[in-house]
Each structure stands twice: as C-alpha cells, then as structure tokens.
Amino acid sequence: MLVVDDEPEIADLMRAMLESAGYEVATAESGAVALELLEAARFDVIVSDLRMPDMDGAQLWREIRDRQPGLARRMLFVTGDTLSPSARSFLDQAGCGSLDKPFSQDELLARMQAEGRNLGVWAQGEIAALVRDHDPVLIPVATYERWFVEKL
C-alpha cells in the first residue's frame, strides 16, 4: 500500500495506523515521488491526500489512470475538502472512495477493510481470521497466507 501526503506527520500517522493492522505501507511526500515509487515497486492500493501542492490528488489520479488504469480504481482519498464542488465533482468522476479529515484509526481501518474486500487486499491478520474461522483443519496460517496471496 502507498500513502501519499505532503504533510509528513499525517503520512507517518496513517502509516502507523495501517501497519498496526498488518498492512505493508510505503509513504511518498508528493505526487511526483509517488509516481517514482510506482515505477520501482508494485502497490495494491494508494491512499492519497486530495489537496497537495504541485501535483494534487486529482492530478496524481489522472497520471496513474494513464499509466496503470487498474490501480487508479484502487485509490482512496483523504481530504478535509470533500464538500467543495470541485472536490466532489472529481471524486464522483474518479469513482474512488474518500475519507474526511480528521479521521480516527478505526475509521481508516474500517474504510480500508471495506475497500480491501472489494479489491482483494487483505491484512495479514484478516487472512489469519479467515482461515481460523472457516477451515476446520488446523494447518499453519503462514501456509494459507502464502496460498491466499498467490491466488490474488
């Protein structure tokens, strides 16, 4: 997962929130840095601030849509500006989810779990719970985690 926010404190906070739930997270301080990271690594989901200097979240989304259309559908935007007509219009056009600032860890994790299930993205703890709750045969969780990730 990639978190993009021009405010390092917010990016670090989101990273800590998501990592505590088992997600692997990288951060980028701008849209340009995010695009560089996308050239070097694969990400399942991007969580991005909508309002950033130089390249805002909408511009980042358009760049990703042109380069990796599937990934553009797997973006979640965090913003304090969802009520402005331009922000609402963009979010409606992009078809991406949004989360209003300020948000709690529970709100972020709930949104990621909801989005993740739609996208096939699972935290390690969720995989363990899925195996534990749905498989009567006791097989090490790591075995199922590898199998489940390979199937995605």
C-alpha atoms as a PDB file:
ATOM      1  CA  MET A   1       0.000   0.000   0.000  1.00  0.00           C
ATOM      2  CA  LEU A   2       1.222   3.513  -0.773  1.00  0.00           C
ATOM      3  CA  VAL A   3       0.280   6.540   1.339  1.00  0.00           C
ATOM      4  CA  VAL A   4       0.753   9.932  -0.332  1.00  0.00           C
ATOM      5  CA  ASP A   5       0.553  13.111   1.743  1.00  0.00           C
ATOM      6  CA  ASP A   6       2.565  16.319   1.684  1.00  0.00           C
ATOM      7  CA  GLU A   7       2.352  16.595   5.469  1.00  0.00           C
ATOM      8  CA  PRO A   8       4.925  14.123   6.863  1.00  0.00           C
ATOM      9  CA  GLU A   9       3.176  13.905  10.238  1.00  0.00           C
ATOM     10  CA  ILE A  10      -0.087  12.808   8.615  1.00  0.00           C
ATOM     11  CA  ALA A  11       1.663  10.344   6.297  1.00  0.00           C
ATOM     12  CA  ASP A  12       3.539   8.848   9.253  1.00  0.00           C
ATOM     13  CA  LEU A  13       0.342   8.668  11.314  1.00  0.00           C
ATOM     14  CA  MET A  14      -1.561   6.870   8.537  1.00  0.00           C
ATOM     15  CA  ARG A  15       1.391   4.532   8.049  1.00  0.00           C
ATOM     16  CA  ALA A  16       1.451   3.651  11.748  1.00  0.00           C
ATOM     17  CA  MET A  17      -2.330   3.130  11.808  1.00  0.00           C
ATOM     18  CA  LEU A  18      -2.238   0.817   8.800  1.00  0.00           C
ATOM     19  CA  GLU A  19       0.904  -1.087   9.813  1.00  0.00           C
ATOM     20  CA  SER A  20      -0.608  -1.790  13.229  1.00  0.00           C
ATOM     21  CA  ALA A  21      -3.361  -3.650  11.382  1.00  0.00           C
ATOM     22  CA  GLY A  22      -0.903  -5.720   9.341  1.00  0.00           C
ATOM     23  CA  TYR A  23      -0.690  -3.740   6.110  1.00  0.00           C
ATOM     24  CA  GLU A  24       2.681  -3.168   4.444  1.00  0.00           C
ATOM     25  CA  VAL A  25       2.954   0.575   3.816  1.00  0.00           C
ATOM     26  CA  ALA A  26       5.298   2.897   1.945  1.00  0.00           C
ATOM     27  CA  THR A  27       4.926   6.681   2.006  1.00  0.00           C
ATOM     28  CA  ALA A  28       5.507   9.459  -0.509  1.00  0.00           C
ATOM     29  CA  GLU A  29       5.566  13.170   0.302  1.00  0.00           C
ATOM     30  CA  SER A  30       4.259  14.259  -3.101  1.00  0.00           C
ATOM     31  CA  GLY A  31       2.552  13.048  -6.224  1.00  0.00           C
ATOM     32  CA  ALA A  32       5.860  13.175  -8.104  1.00  0.00           C
ATOM     33  CA  VAL A  33       7.557  10.947  -5.532  1.00  0.00           C
ATOM     34  CA  ALA A  34       4.566   8.584  -5.649  1.00  0.00           C
ATOM     35  CA  LEU A  35       4.975   8.238  -9.424  1.00  0.00           C
ATOM     36  CA  GLU A  36       8.676   7.457  -8.964  1.00  0.00           C
ATOM     37  CA  LEU A  37       7.827   4.763  -6.414  1.00  0.00           C
ATOM     38  CA  LEU A  38       5.246   3.296  -8.794  1.00  0.00           C
ATOM     39  CA  GLU A  39       7.982   2.832 -11.386  1.00  0.00           C
ATOM     40  CA  ALA A  40      10.081   0.854  -8.901  1.00  0.00           C
ATOM     41  CA  ALA A  41       7.502  -1.157  -6.946  1.00  0.00           C
ATOM     42  CA  ARG A  42       4.009  -2.655  -7.141  1.00  0.00           C
ATOM     43  CA  PHE A  43       1.251  -1.382  -4.866  1.00  0.00           C
ATOM     44  CA  ASP A  44      -2.223  -2.819  -4.400  1.00  0.00           C
ATOM     45  CA  VAL A  45      -3.833   0.368  -3.078  1.00  0.00           C
ATOM     46  CA  ILE A  46      -2.990   4.059  -2.875  1.00  0.00           C
ATOM     47  CA  VAL A  47      -4.265   6.294  -0.088  1.00  0.00           C
ATOM     48  CA  SER A  48      -3.682   9.895  -1.119  1.00  0.00           C
ATOM     49  CA  ASP A  49      -4.392  13.358   0.170  1.00  0.00           C
ATOM     50  CA  LEU A  50      -6.558  15.238  -2.295  1.00  0.00           C
ATOM     51  CA  ARG A  51      -5.061  18.680  -1.663  1.00  0.00           C
ATOM     52  CA  MET A  52      -1.292  18.844  -2.145  1.00  0.00           C
ATOM     53  CA  PRO A  53       0.974  21.477  -3.695  1.00  0.00           C
ATOM     54  CA  ASP A  54       2.449  20.984  -7.169  1.00  0.00           C
ATOM     55  CA  MET A  55       0.588  17.758  -8.024  1.00  0.00           C
ATOM     56  CA  ASP A  56      -2.701  17.345  -6.177  1.00  0.00           C
ATOM     57  CA  GLY A  57      -4.542  14.071  -5.719  1.00  0.00           C
ATOM     58  CA  ALA A  58      -6.658  14.612  -8.838  1.00  0.00           C
ATOM     59  CA  GLN A  59      -3.573  15.111 -10.999  1.00  0.00           C
ATOM     60  CA  LEU A  60      -1.938  12.061  -9.421  1.00  0.00           C
ATOM     61  CA  TRP A  61      -5.064  10.024 -10.164  1.00  0.00           C
ATOM     62  CA  ARG A  62      -5.024  11.126 -13.827  1.00  0.00           C
ATOM     63  CA  GLU A  63      -1.345  10.177 -14.172  1.00  0.00           C
ATOM     64  CA  ILE A  64      -1.973   6.773 -12.603  1.00  0.00           C
ATOM     65  CA  ARG A  65      -5.092   6.258 -14.728  1.00  0.00           C
ATOM     66  CA  ASP A  66      -2.981   6.821 -17.854  1.00  0.00           C
ATOM     67  CA  ARG A  67      -0.144   4.543 -16.677  1.00  0.00           C
ATOM     68  CA  GLN A  68      -1.919   1.855 -14.620  1.00  0.00           C
ATOM     69  CA  PRO A  69      -5.698   2.065 -15.103  1.00  0.00           C
ATOM     70  CA  GLY A  70      -6.410  -0.794 -12.712  1.00  0.00           C
ATOM     71  CA  LEU A  71      -4.539   0.906  -9.905  1.00  0.00           C
ATOM     72  CA  ALA A  72      -6.434   4.169 -10.469  1.00  0.00           C
ATOM     73  CA  ARG A  73      -9.606   2.305  -9.448  1.00  0.00           C
ATOM     74  CA  ARG A  74      -7.896   1.290  -6.197  1.00  0.00           C
ATOM     75  CA  MET A  75      -7.315   4.724  -4.734  1.00  0.00           C
ATOM     76  CA  LEU A  76      -8.778   6.180  -1.567  1.00  0.00           C
ATOM     77  CA  PHE A  77      -8.594   9.929  -0.987  1.00  0.00           C
ATOM     78  CA  VAL A  78      -8.341  11.602   2.391  1.00  0.00           C
ATOM     79  CA  THR A  79      -9.358  15.219   2.485  1.00  0.00           C
ATOM     80  CA  GLY A  80     -10.868  17.995   4.519  1.00  0.00           C
ATOM     81  CA  ASP A  81     -12.369  19.418   1.332  1.00  0.00           C
ATOM     82  CA  THR A  82     -14.996  16.902   0.197  1.00  0.00           C
ATOM     83  CA  LEU A  83     -17.751  19.482   0.414  1.00  0.00           C
ATOM     84  CA  SER A  84     -16.291  21.825  -2.220  1.00  0.00           C
ATOM     85  CA  PRO A  85     -17.923  21.434  -5.644  1.00  0.00           C
ATOM     86  CA  SER A  86     -14.605  20.754  -7.411  1.00  0.00           C
ATOM     87  CA  ALA A  87     -13.555  18.051  -4.922  1.00  0.00           C
ATOM     88  CA  ARG A  88     -16.985  16.394  -5.029  1.00  0.00           C
ATOM     89  CA  SER A  89     -17.002  16.511  -8.824  1.00  0.00           C
ATOM     90  CA  PHE A  90     -13.578  14.889  -9.029  1.00  0.00           C
ATOM     91  CA  LEU A  91     -14.437  12.144  -6.533  1.00  0.00           C
ATOM     92  CA  ASP A  92     -17.655  11.388  -8.421  1.00  0.00           C
ATOM     93  CA  GLN A  93     -15.811  11.282 -11.761  1.00  0.00           C
ATOM     94  CA  ALA A  94     -12.974   9.108 -10.466  1.00  0.00           C
ATOM     95  CA  GLY A  95     -15.277   6.686  -8.686  1.00  0.00           C
ATOM     96  CA  CYS A  96     -12.830   6.453  -5.791  1.00  0.00           C
ATOM     97  CA  GLY A  97     -13.661   6.408  -2.123  1.00  0.00           C
ATOM     98  CA  SER A  98     -12.895   9.233   0.255  1.00  0.00           C
ATOM     99  CA  LEU A  99     -12.366   9.727   3.951  1.00  0.00           C
ATOM    100  CA  ASP A 100     -12.872  13.109   5.578  1.00  0.00           C
ATOM    101  CA  LYS A 101     -10.195  14.585   7.827  1.00  0.00           C
ATOM    102  CA  PRO A 102      -9.953  14.394  10.706  1.00  0.00           C
ATOM    103  CA  PHE A 103     -10.463  10.642  10.973  1.00  0.00           C
ATOM    104  CA  SER A 104      -9.741   8.076  13.639  1.00  0.00           C
ATOM    105  CA  GLN A 105      -7.725   4.890  13.302  1.00  0.00           C
ATOM    106  CA  ASP A 106     -10.961   2.903  13.499  1.00  0.00           C
ATOM    107  CA  GLU A 107     -12.445   4.922  10.632  1.00  0.00           C
ATOM    108  CA  LEU A 108      -9.353   4.479   8.450  1.00  0.00           C
ATOM    109  CA  LEU A 109      -9.123   0.755   9.141  1.00  0.00           C
ATOM    110  CA  ALA A 110     -12.838   0.234   8.564  1.00  0.00           C
ATOM    111  CA  ARG A 111     -12.577   2.043   5.241  1.00  0.00           C
ATOM    112  CA  MET A 112      -9.521   0.029   4.219  1.00  0.00           C
ATOM    113  CA  GLN A 113     -11.220  -3.232   5.175  1.00  0.00           C
ATOM    114  CA  ALA A 114     -14.311  -2.287   3.155  1.00  0.00           C
ATOM    115  CA  GLU A 115     -12.247  -1.122   0.174  1.00  0.00           C
ATOM    116  CA  GLY A 116      -9.830  -4.029   0.529  1.00  0.00           C
ATOM    117  CA  ARG A 117     -12.518  -6.667   0.378  1.00  0.00           C
ATOM    118  CA  ASN A 118     -13.777  -5.086  -2.819  1.00  0.00           C
ATOM    119  CA  LEU A 119     -10.242  -5.011  -4.217  1.00  0.00           C
ATOM    120  CA  GLY A 120      -8.849  -8.306  -2.923  1.00  0.00           C
ATOM    121  CA  VAL A 121      -6.495  -6.577  -0.454  1.00  0.00           C
ATOM    122  CA  TRP A 122      -6.213  -8.240   2.946  1.00  0.00           C
ATOM    123  CA  ALA A 123      -4.118  -7.504   6.002  1.00  0.00           C
ATOM    124  CA  GLN A 124      -2.257 -10.497   7.420  1.00  0.00           C
ATOM    125  CA  GLY A 125      -4.497 -10.543  10.492  1.00  0.00           C
ATOM    126  CA  GLU A 126      -7.584 -10.719   8.302  1.00  0.00           C
ATOM    127  CA  ILE A 127      -6.158 -13.729   6.448  1.00  0.00           C
ATOM    128  CA  ALA A 128      -5.452 -15.472   9.740  1.00  0.00           C
ATOM    129  CA  ALA A 129      -9.014 -14.794  10.931  1.00  0.00           C
ATOM    130  CA  LEU A 130     -10.449 -16.026   7.629  1.00  0.00           C
ATOM    131  CA  VAL A 131      -8.520 -19.284   7.876  1.00  0.00           C
ATOM    132  CA  ARG A 132      -9.259 -19.752  11.570  1.00  0.00           C
ATOM    133  CA  ASP A 133     -12.978 -19.040  11.183  1.00  0.00           C
ATOM    134  CA  HIS A 134     -13.619 -21.023   8.004  1.00  0.00           C
ATOM    135  CA  ASP A 135     -11.320 -24.024   7.943  1.00  0.00           C
ATOM    136  CA  PRO A 136     -11.861 -26.932  10.307  1.00  0.00           C
ATOM    137  CA  VAL A 137      -8.450 -28.456   9.550  1.00  0.00           C
ATOM    138  CA  LEU A 138      -5.592 -26.997  11.562  1.00  0.00           C
ATOM    139  CA  ILE A 139      -2.918 -26.016   9.079  1.00  0.00           C
ATOM    140  CA  PRO A 140      -0.333 -23.311   9.871  1.00  0.00           C
ATOM    141  CA  VAL A 141      -1.675 -19.863   8.993  1.00  0.00           C
ATOM    142  CA  ALA A 142       1.536 -18.996   7.109  1.00  0.00           C
ATOM    143  CA  THR A 143       0.725 -21.768   4.636  1.00  0.00           C
ATOM    144  CA  TYR A 144      -2.698 -20.274   3.962  1.00  0.00           C
ATOM    145  CA  GLU A 145      -1.298 -16.744   3.768  1.00  0.00           C
ATOM    146  CA  ARG A 146       1.108 -17.808   1.019  1.00  0.00           C
ATOM    147  CA  TRP A 147      -1.659 -19.668  -0.807  1.00  0.00           C
ATOM    148  CA  PHE A 148      -4.116 -16.795  -0.487  1.00  0.00           C
ATOM    149  CA  VAL A 149      -1.625 -14.181  -1.698  1.00  0.00           C
ATOM    150  CA  GLU A 150      -0.655 -16.384  -4.655  1.00  0.00           C
ATOM    151  CA  LYS A 151      -4.323 -16.663  -5.634  1.00  0.00           C
ATOM    152  CA  LEU A 152      -4.759 -12.871  -5.730  1.00  0.00           C
END
